């Protein structure tokens, strides 16, 4: 096989995860560690000055997108949705009895999914009333709420605003109806504009638009139109992800089984990087500032991503709901990943953990380093102060290789900064910093 052919094969969007969401990879987390590590961590006092966040997994959608790899359900009726919301509230009650969580203020709250905006106004109000009766979040720095445009009405958005949401994130993904259709999205372009105008009229502190570069059927024309239409709306922030194919998506199963269900073209990695690079350049010309491999904001002094930044600096997070992830008192945890197991454990008065992992100090340091690199830079003094590690020495070879390949702009005592070239492929570079036993293993 020629070198050119090998390069072309590597560039194709194959089945597998590349996005680095945590470290060590989830596949090394274990069921046995729930009793040996997670439960002792939950029954210990929290570390001083560590902020606490709350994540709520709302796993309901009108349709399952063909690229979706999250635990979501499209077949639950109103009674079942209500039972799940009762379980969420009960789970938070269980957490509130544990020393690691009891009486701690919430620094940030995140409604994720699935589709949180799938819930009715009555369901949302009831859930939030129960949660805030246990822990007030009116002093939280950020409350984020993910939305699918087609589920939004003006009344529902008004309710979401009344809940104290500070960042509303619209899962637009594309403005092209054909691209939306072939990728299984439930909404269409007309619903985007209507929902956005409703939200803008309610004066949310931060309106965010999500885009995905490289969905099935994406072309230069549809992508540039998406960026242009995003700019016309003037959101406070824009989040852009490059399409990937984790193992449990509909598209991935089709490719692995060769059933030929999806015939639309999918862009390769170099094309997706080019598209995101072009989008960033266009946004910058319009006055936006690129703040990570995925985000651009209009006003960095006012527009923040508290959830992201706190997690990437080791904050505690209590994740509620089926398959949700937590990080508490230095231990990674994940809830059980089926509806039946989750609700059964809640009904028996147990925090519904399915697997866990206690990273070593070195692994915690690596976790923060690779996650913070996704913002485009790290500050060595931060790691010296927190972990007593000189990252310039510890990762001398890795940094030298990145610099030699043009992925770094700066390597110094105060700052290590990625080039734009490096930022656009950062997730593919991060495994260089992994410990040998974690390199190349299945991420999930």
Protein backbone atom coordinates (compact mmCIF):
# COMPACT_ATOMS: atom_id res chain seq x y z
CA UNK A 1 0.00 0.00 0.00
CA UNK A 2 1.42 3.36 -1.00
CA UNK A 3 2.05 6.14 1.53
CA UNK A 4 -0.58 8.27 -0.20
CA UNK A 5 -3.17 5.49 0.13
CA UNK A 6 -2.34 4.99 3.81
CA UNK A 7 -2.70 8.71 4.45
CA UNK A 8 -6.05 8.77 2.67
CA UNK A 9 -7.34 5.84 4.74
CA UNK A 10 -6.31 7.50 8.01
CA UNK A 11 -8.11 10.65 6.89
CA UNK A 12 -11.45 8.90 6.38
CA UNK A 13 -14.09 9.18 9.09
CA UNK A 14 -14.07 5.63 10.39
CA UNK A 15 -16.15 4.15 13.20
CA UNK A 16 -14.68 4.94 16.61
CA UNK A 17 -14.43 7.70 19.20
CA UNK A 18 -11.81 10.41 18.96
CA UNK A 19 -13.26 13.12 21.23
CA UNK A 20 -11.48 13.10 24.61
CA UNK A 21 -14.09 13.78 27.30
CA UNK A 22 -12.21 12.46 30.32
CA UNK A 23 -9.10 10.61 31.44
CA UNK A 24 -8.34 7.79 31.99
CA UNK A 25 -10.61 6.38 29.27
CA UNK A 26 -13.99 5.09 30.39
CA UNK A 27 -13.14 1.51 29.42
CA UNK A 28 -10.82 1.17 32.44
CA UNK A 29 -13.57 2.16 34.89
CA UNK A 30 -14.92 -0.88 36.76
CA UNK A 31 -17.98 -2.17 38.61
CA UNK A 32 -15.88 -3.35 41.55
CA UNK A 33 -14.68 0.21 42.17
CA UNK A 34 -18.20 1.34 43.07
CA UNK A 35 -17.89 -0.31 46.48
CA UNK A 36 -14.14 0.09 46.95
CA UNK A 37 -13.75 3.69 45.72
CA UNK A 38 -16.98 5.53 44.89
CA UNK A 39 -18.96 4.85 48.04
CA UNK A 40 -16.10 5.78 50.39
CA UNK A 41 -15.63 9.00 48.39
CA UNK A 42 -19.31 9.88 48.72
CA UNK A 43 -19.16 9.27 52.46
CA UNK A 44 -16.12 11.53 52.97
CA UNK A 45 -16.12 15.27 53.57
CA UNK A 46 -15.46 17.34 50.44
CA UNK A 47 -12.11 18.93 49.77
CA UNK A 48 -11.97 22.59 50.72
CA UNK A 49 -12.70 25.19 48.04
CA UNK A 50 -13.61 22.65 45.32
CA UNK A 51 -16.71 23.90 43.47
CA UNK A 52 -19.70 21.59 42.96
CA UNK A 53 -21.82 21.31 39.84
CA UNK A 54 -25.01 19.43 39.02
CA UNK A 55 -25.69 17.67 35.72
CA UNK A 56 -29.22 16.53 34.86
CA UNK A 57 -29.58 13.97 32.09
CA UNK A 58 -32.94 14.35 30.35
CA UNK A 59 -32.84 11.34 27.99
CA UNK A 60 -35.92 12.04 25.85
CA UNK A 61 -36.03 13.02 22.19
CA UNK A 62 -38.63 13.34 19.44
CA UNK A 63 -36.30 11.33 17.19
CA UNK A 64 -32.93 9.68 17.61
CA UNK A 65 -30.35 11.34 15.39
CA UNK A 66 -28.41 8.90 13.25
CA UNK A 67 -25.11 10.15 14.73
CA UNK A 68 -26.28 10.12 18.37
CA UNK A 69 -24.36 7.98 20.86
CA UNK A 70 -26.04 9.13 24.07
CA UNK A 71 -28.51 7.16 26.19
CA UNK A 72 -31.82 8.53 24.87
CA UNK A 73 -35.39 7.30 24.48
CA UNK A 74 -37.98 8.19 21.85
CA UNK A 75 -40.73 5.81 22.97
CA UNK A 76 -41.64 6.93 26.50
CA UNK A 77 -45.14 8.19 27.32
CA UNK A 78 -46.05 11.00 29.71
CA UNK A 79 -46.43 8.62 32.66
CA UNK A 80 -42.97 7.14 32.10
CA UNK A 81 -41.41 10.57 31.70
CA UNK A 82 -42.99 11.59 34.99
CA UNK A 83 -41.63 8.48 36.71
CA UNK A 84 -38.14 9.27 35.43
CA UNK A 85 -38.33 12.86 36.68
CA UNK A 86 -39.43 11.53 40.08
CA UNK A 87 -36.36 9.28 40.04
CA UNK A 88 -34.10 12.26 39.22
CA UNK A 89 -35.46 14.22 42.16
CA UNK A 90 -35.15 11.21 44.45
CA UNK A 91 -31.56 10.68 43.32
CA UNK A 92 -30.71 14.25 44.35
CA UNK A 93 -32.35 13.60 47.71
CA UNK A 94 -30.09 10.56 48.14
CA UNK A 95 -27.02 12.61 47.25
CA UNK A 96 -28.07 15.29 49.71
CA UNK A 97 -27.76 12.77 52.56
CA UNK A 98 -24.10 12.04 51.77
CA UNK A 99 -21.22 13.95 53.40
CA UNK A 100 -19.56 14.70 50.04
CA UNK A 101 -22.63 16.65 48.85
CA UNK A 102 -24.70 17.68 51.86
CA UNK A 103 -25.11 21.45 52.34
CA UNK A 104 -22.72 22.39 49.53
CA UNK A 105 -23.73 25.30 47.29
CA UNK A 106 -24.00 24.71 43.56
CA UNK A 107 -21.57 26.63 41.39
CA UNK A 108 -23.11 25.51 38.09
CA UNK A 109 -26.04 23.48 36.77
CA UNK A 110 -26.35 21.82 33.37
CA UNK A 111 -29.49 20.39 31.77
CA UNK A 112 -28.27 17.98 29.08
CA UNK A 113 -29.68 15.16 27.06
CA UNK A 114 -31.27 13.89 25.08
CA UNK A 115 -33.44 16.96 24.81
CA UNK A 116 -34.23 18.87 28.03
CA UNK A 117 -36.64 21.08 26.07
CA UNK A 118 -38.66 17.93 25.25
CA UNK A 119 -40.24 18.33 28.71
CA UNK A 120 -43.47 20.27 29.11
CA UNK A 121 -43.54 23.48 31.13
CA UNK A 122 -45.39 21.64 33.92
CA UNK A 123 -42.81 18.85 34.00
CA UNK A 124 -39.93 21.34 34.07
CA UNK A 125 -41.47 23.43 36.81
CA UNK A 126 -42.19 20.37 38.95
CA UNK A 127 -38.68 18.98 38.58
CA UNK A 128 -36.95 22.26 39.37
CA UNK A 129 -39.23 22.90 42.35
CA UNK A 130 -38.23 19.57 43.88
CA UNK A 131 -34.53 20.01 43.16
CA UNK A 132 -34.26 23.57 44.45
CA UNK A 133 -36.20 22.72 47.58
CA UNK A 134 -33.16 20.63 48.49
CA UNK A 135 -30.41 22.90 47.15
CA UNK A 136 -30.98 26.46 46.03
CA UNK A 137 -29.15 27.40 42.86
CA UNK A 138 -29.98 31.09 42.63
CA UNK A 139 -26.34 31.87 43.40
CA UNK A 140 -24.93 29.52 40.74
CA UNK A 141 -22.61 31.25 38.27
CA UNK A 142 -24.12 29.41 35.32
CA UNK A 143 -27.24 27.39 34.53
CA UNK A 144 -27.13 25.86 31.04
CA UNK A 145 -30.09 24.39 29.20
CA UNK A 146 -29.81 22.44 25.93
CA UNK A 147 -32.67 22.79 23.43
CA UNK A 148 -33.89 21.28 20.18
CA UNK A 149 -35.46 24.17 18.22
CA UNK A 150 -38.58 22.27 17.22
CA UNK A 151 -39.58 21.62 20.85
CA UNK A 152 -39.67 25.30 21.80
CA UNK A 153 -42.62 27.62 22.15
CA UNK A 154 -42.59 31.14 23.49
CA UNK A 155 -44.33 29.98 26.68
CA UNK A 156 -41.83 27.18 27.24
CA UNK A 157 -38.90 29.52 26.71
CA UNK A 158 -40.41 31.98 29.17
CA UNK A 159 -40.62 29.18 31.74
CA UNK A 160 -36.98 28.19 31.07
CA UNK A 161 -35.96 31.81 31.56
CA UNK A 162 -37.88 31.96 34.85
CA UNK A 163 -35.96 28.93 36.08
CA UNK A 164 -32.84 31.09 36.12
CA UNK A 165 -31.17 29.69 33.01
CA UNK A 166 -28.20 31.86 32.05
CA UNK A 167 -27.06 30.02 28.92
CA UNK A 168 -29.52 28.64 26.40
CA UNK A 169 -27.88 26.35 23.86
CA UNK A 170 -29.76 25.70 20.62
CA UNK A 171 -28.85 22.41 18.94
CA UNK A 172 -29.08 23.79 15.40
CA UNK A 173 -26.32 21.57 13.88
CA UNK A 174 -27.23 22.71 10.32
CA UNK A 175 -29.55 25.19 8.61
CA UNK A 176 -29.99 22.96 5.56
CA UNK A 177 -33.22 20.95 5.61
CA UNK A 178 -31.78 18.15 3.47
CA UNK A 179 -28.76 17.73 5.77
CA UNK A 180 -31.03 17.79 8.82
CA UNK A 181 -33.28 15.15 7.27
CA UNK A 182 -30.64 12.63 6.23
CA UNK A 183 -28.99 12.85 9.65
CA UNK A 184 -32.23 12.17 11.49
CA UNK A 185 -32.69 15.57 13.11
CA UNK A 186 -36.26 16.28 14.21
CA UNK A 187 -36.30 20.03 13.51
CA UNK A 188 -36.10 22.02 10.28
CA UNK A 189 -34.68 25.42 9.39
CA UNK A 190 -37.94 27.34 9.81
CA UNK A 191 -38.16 26.24 13.45
CA UNK A 192 -34.63 27.51 14.13
CA UNK A 193 -35.42 31.12 13.29
CA UNK A 194 -38.69 31.12 15.21
CA UNK A 195 -37.15 29.62 18.36
CA UNK A 196 -34.15 31.93 18.20
CA UNK A 197 -36.27 35.07 17.95
CA UNK A 198 -38.44 33.95 20.87
CA UNK A 199 -35.30 33.34 22.95
CA UNK A 200 -33.69 36.64 21.98
CA UNK A 201 -36.83 38.49 23.00
CA UNK A 202 -36.58 36.97 26.49
CA UNK A 203 -33.07 38.36 26.96
CA UNK A 204 -31.23 35.25 28.03
CA UNK A 205 -27.77 36.32 29.24
CA UNK A 206 -26.12 33.95 26.76
CA UNK A 207 -27.55 32.41 23.61
CA UNK A 208 -25.42 29.68 22.10
CA UNK A 209 -25.76 27.99 18.71
CA UNK A 210 -24.39 24.47 18.19
CA UNK A 211 -23.14 23.40 14.76
CA UNK A 212 -21.66 20.09 13.57
CA UNK A 213 -19.14 20.13 10.74
CA UNK A 214 -19.29 17.16 8.40
CA UNK A 215 -22.66 15.55 8.88
CA UNK A 216 -23.93 13.22 6.18
CA UNK A 217 -24.51 15.16 2.96
CA UNK A 218 -22.58 18.26 4.06
CA UNK A 219 -20.90 20.20 1.26
CA UNK A 220 -18.80 23.33 1.04
CA UNK A 221 -21.98 25.19 0.14
CA UNK A 222 -24.17 23.93 2.97
CA UNK A 223 -21.41 24.48 5.52
CA UNK A 224 -20.64 28.03 4.46
CA UNK A 225 -24.35 28.80 4.47
CA UNK A 226 -24.58 27.48 8.03
CA UNK A 227 -21.78 29.79 9.16
CA UNK A 228 -23.30 32.75 7.31
CA UNK A 229 -26.76 32.19 8.79
CA UNK A 230 -25.26 31.77 12.26
CA UNK A 231 -23.58 35.14 11.94
CA UNK A 232 -26.81 36.73 10.79
CA UNK A 233 -28.40 35.68 14.09
CA UNK A 234 -25.49 37.17 16.10
CA UNK A 235 -25.48 34.63 18.96
CA UNK A 236 -23.37 35.33 22.02
CA UNK A 237 -21.41 32.15 21.42
CA UNK A 238 -21.03 29.42 18.81
CA UNK A 239 -20.05 25.82 19.49
CA UNK A 240 -18.75 23.71 16.61
CA UNK A 241 -17.95 20.01 16.73
CA UNK A 242 -16.46 17.81 14.04
CA UNK A 243 -18.65 14.83 13.18
CA UNK A 244 -17.43 11.51 14.55
CA UNK A 245 -18.89 8.00 14.55
CA UNK A 246 -18.79 6.32 17.97
CA UNK A 247 -19.61 2.62 17.93
CA UNK A 248 -23.23 2.81 19.07
CA UNK A 249 -24.66 5.20 16.47
CA UNK A 250 -27.08 4.18 13.72
CA UNK A 251 -24.59 5.24 11.05
CA UNK A 252 -21.82 3.22 12.70
CA UNK A 253 -23.90 0.06 12.83
CA UNK A 254 -24.79 0.54 9.17
CA UNK A 255 -21.13 0.86 8.23
CA UNK A 256 -19.96 -2.07 10.32
CA UNK A 257 -22.74 -4.36 9.08
CA UNK A 258 -22.59 -3.13 5.49
CA UNK A 259 -26.36 -2.73 5.17
CA UNK A 260 -26.08 0.33 2.92
CA UNK A 261 -28.77 2.33 4.72
CA UNK A 262 -26.84 5.60 4.47
CA UNK A 263 -25.53 6.52 1.05
CA UNK A 264 -24.87 10.22 1.57
CA UNK A 265 -21.23 11.31 1.53
CA UNK A 266 -19.43 12.07 4.80
CA UNK A 267 -16.48 14.44 4.74
CA UNK A 268 -13.03 13.23 5.76
CA UNK A 269 -11.10 14.69 8.68
CA UNK A 270 -9.03 17.14 6.66
CA UNK A 271 -12.20 18.58 5.12
CA UNK A 272 -13.88 18.89 8.53
CA UNK A 273 -10.83 20.64 9.95
CA UNK A 274 -10.81 23.01 6.98
CA UNK A 275 -14.49 23.79 7.48
CA UNK A 276 -14.05 24.52 11.20
CA UNK A 277 -10.95 26.57 10.46
CA UNK A 278 -12.86 28.61 7.88
CA UNK A 279 -15.72 29.08 10.35
CA UNK A 280 -13.35 30.31 13.05
CA UNK A 281 -11.72 32.76 10.64
CA UNK A 282 -15.14 34.06 9.54
CA UNK A 283 -16.28 34.44 13.14
CA UNK A 284 -13.06 36.24 14.07
CA UNK A 285 -13.51 38.71 11.23
CA UNK A 286 -16.96 39.42 12.68
CA UNK A 287 -15.46 40.19 16.09
CA UNK A 288 -15.73 36.80 17.81
CA UNK A 289 -12.90 35.28 19.83
CA UNK A 290 -11.96 31.59 19.61
CA UNK A 291 -11.80 30.20 23.14
CA UNK A 292 -11.30 26.49 22.54
CA UNK A 293 -11.20 23.87 19.79
CA UNK A 294 -14.99 24.09 19.70
CA UNK A 295 -16.09 27.56 20.80
CA UNK A 296 -16.12 31.18 19.71
CA UNK A 297 -17.64 33.99 21.79
CA UNK A 298 -18.59 37.54 20.95
CA UNK A 299 -17.51 39.08 24.26
CA UNK A 300 -15.01 37.05 26.34
CA UNK A 301 -15.42 39.43 29.29
CA UNK A 302 -19.13 38.63 29.54
CA UNK A 303 -19.59 35.23 27.91
CA UNK A 304 -18.17 32.27 29.79
CA UNK A 305 -18.36 28.48 29.75
CA UNK A 306 -18.33 27.86 33.51
CA UNK A 307 -19.39 24.22 33.25
CA UNK A 308 -16.50 23.43 30.90
CA UNK A 309 -13.85 25.39 32.73
CA UNK A 310 -14.71 24.14 36.20
CA UNK A 311 -14.72 20.51 35.07
CA UNK A 312 -11.43 20.92 33.25
CA UNK A 313 -9.88 22.19 36.48
CA UNK A 314 -11.06 19.29 38.63
CA UNK A 315 -14.42 20.50 40.02
CA UNK A 316 -16.82 18.05 41.61
CA UNK A 317 -19.85 17.11 39.51
CA UNK A 318 -22.92 15.15 40.58
CA UNK A 319 -24.51 13.64 37.48
CA UNK A 320 -28.15 12.63 37.84
CA UNK A 321 -29.96 10.26 35.51
CA UNK A 322 -29.44 7.08 33.55
CA UNK A 323 -25.79 6.61 32.43
CA UNK A 324 -24.74 10.02 33.82
CA UNK A 325 -21.13 10.74 34.76
CA UNK A 326 -19.92 12.20 38.05
CA UNK A 327 -16.59 13.22 39.55
CA UNK A 328 -16.66 13.55 43.33
CA UNK A 329 -13.84 13.70 45.86
CA UNK A 330 -11.30 12.57 43.27
CA UNK A 331 -13.28 9.57 42.00
CA UNK A 332 -14.85 9.15 38.53
CA UNK A 333 -18.30 7.56 38.62
CA UNK A 334 -20.98 6.58 36.11
CA UNK A 335 -24.57 5.60 36.77
CA UNK A 336 -25.99 2.33 35.50
CA UNK A 337 -26.88 2.62 31.83
CA UNK A 338 -30.35 1.09 31.49
CA UNK A 339 -33.72 2.53 32.42
CA UNK A 340 -34.73 -0.52 34.44
CA UNK A 341 -31.53 -0.75 36.47
CA UNK A 342 -31.52 2.99 37.15
CA UNK A 343 -35.10 3.26 38.37
CA UNK A 344 -34.83 0.02 40.37
CA UNK A 345 -31.81 1.22 42.36
CA UNK A 346 -33.44 4.59 43.01
CA UNK A 347 -36.59 2.87 44.29
CA UNK A 348 -34.41 0.85 46.67
CA UNK A 349 -32.83 4.00 48.04
CA UNK A 350 -29.41 3.57 46.43
CA UNK A 351 -27.32 6.02 44.44
CA UNK A 352 -27.44 4.18 41.08
CA UNK A 353 -23.75 3.77 40.31
CA UNK A 354 -22.60 1.30 37.67
CA UNK A 355 -18.83 1.74 37.49
CA UNK A 356 -16.09 3.93 38.94
CA UNK A 357 -12.39 4.70 38.92
CA UNK A 358 -10.06 6.51 41.31
CA UNK A 359 -7.31 8.15 39.26
CA UNK A 360 -3.85 8.48 40.74
CA UNK A 361 -2.40 11.96 41.27
CA UNK A 362 -0.48 11.54 38.01
CA UNK A 363 -3.63 10.55 36.14
CA UNK A 364 -5.50 13.52 37.61
CA UNK A 365 -2.71 15.80 36.45
CA UNK A 366 -2.80 14.31 32.94
CA UNK A 367 -6.58 14.64 32.88
CA UNK A 368 -6.42 18.35 33.59
CA UNK A 369 -3.57 18.88 31.16
CA UNK A 370 -5.24 17.22 28.18
CA UNK A 371 -8.62 18.81 28.87
CA UNK A 372 -7.17 22.28 29.32
CA UNK A 373 -5.16 21.91 26.11
CA UNK A 374 -8.52 21.80 24.34
CA UNK A 375 -8.80 25.51 25.18
CA UNK A 376 -5.68 26.05 23.10
CA UNK A 377 -3.09 26.53 25.82
CA UNK A 378 -1.92 25.49 29.27
CA UNK A 379 0.00 27.40 31.93
CA UNK A 380 2.85 25.35 33.44
CA UNK A 381 2.78 27.28 36.76
CA UNK A 382 -0.76 26.00 37.35
CA UNK A 383 0.47 22.38 37.30
CA UNK A 384 3.55 23.24 39.34
CA UNK A 385 1.39 24.80 42.06
CA UNK A 386 -1.34 22.15 42.10
CA UNK A 387 0.55 18.93 41.36
CA UNK A 388 4.20 19.84 41.99
CA UNK A 389 4.98 18.76 38.42
CA UNK A 390 7.06 20.62 35.85
CA UNK A 391 5.06 19.72 32.76
CA UNK A 392 7.78 21.09 30.48
CA UNK A 393 10.12 18.43 31.83
CA UNK A 394 7.56 15.68 32.35
CA UNK A 395 6.31 15.97 28.76
CA UNK A 396 9.48 17.17 27.08
CA UNK A 397 9.34 14.57 24.29
CA UNK A 398 5.64 15.05 23.61
CA UNK A 399 5.97 18.82 23.42
CA UNK A 400 9.03 18.55 21.18
CA UNK A 401 7.16 16.32 18.75
CA UNK A 402 4.18 18.69 18.65
CA UNK A 403 6.47 21.65 18.02
CA UNK A 404 8.37 19.84 15.27
CA UNK A 405 5.10 19.05 13.49
CA UNK A 406 3.85 22.65 13.63
CA UNK A 407 1.19 22.11 16.27
CA UNK A 408 2.58 24.58 18.82
CA UNK A 409 2.99 28.36 18.70
CA UNK A 410 4.70 28.76 22.06
CA UNK A 411 6.54 26.63 24.60
CA UNK A 412 7.72 28.57 27.63
CA UNK A 413 7.77 28.71 31.40
CA UNK A 414 4.51 30.67 31.48
CA UNK A 415 2.63 29.33 28.49
CA UNK A 416 2.33 26.38 26.13
CA UNK A 417 0.06 27.33 23.21
CA UNK A 418 -1.26 25.32 20.29
CA UNK A 419 -1.19 26.70 16.79
CA UNK A 420 -4.53 26.92 14.99
CA UNK A 421 -3.36 23.86 13.04
CA UNK A 422 -2.94 22.02 16.35
CA UNK A 423 -6.17 23.32 17.87
CA UNK A 424 -8.24 21.97 14.99
CA UNK A 425 -6.97 18.41 15.59
CA UNK A 426 -6.36 18.61 19.32
CA UNK A 427 -8.34 15.48 20.26
CA UNK A 428 -6.18 13.41 17.94
CA UNK A 429 -3.02 14.80 19.57
CA UNK A 430 -3.93 14.30 23.22
CA UNK A 431 -3.16 10.59 23.39
CA UNK A 432 0.53 11.51 23.21
CA UNK A 433 0.18 12.59 26.84
CA UNK A 434 -1.59 9.42 27.98
CA UNK A 435 0.19 6.82 30.07
CA UNK A 436 1.32 3.84 27.94
CA UNK A 437 -1.37 1.53 29.33
CA UNK A 438 -4.09 3.94 28.17
CA UNK A 439 -2.80 4.69 24.68
CA UNK A 440 -4.79 3.16 21.86
CA UNK A 441 -7.44 1.40 23.96
CA UNK A 442 -11.14 1.69 23.21
CA UNK A 443 -12.30 4.96 24.70
CA UNK A 444 -15.82 3.96 25.79
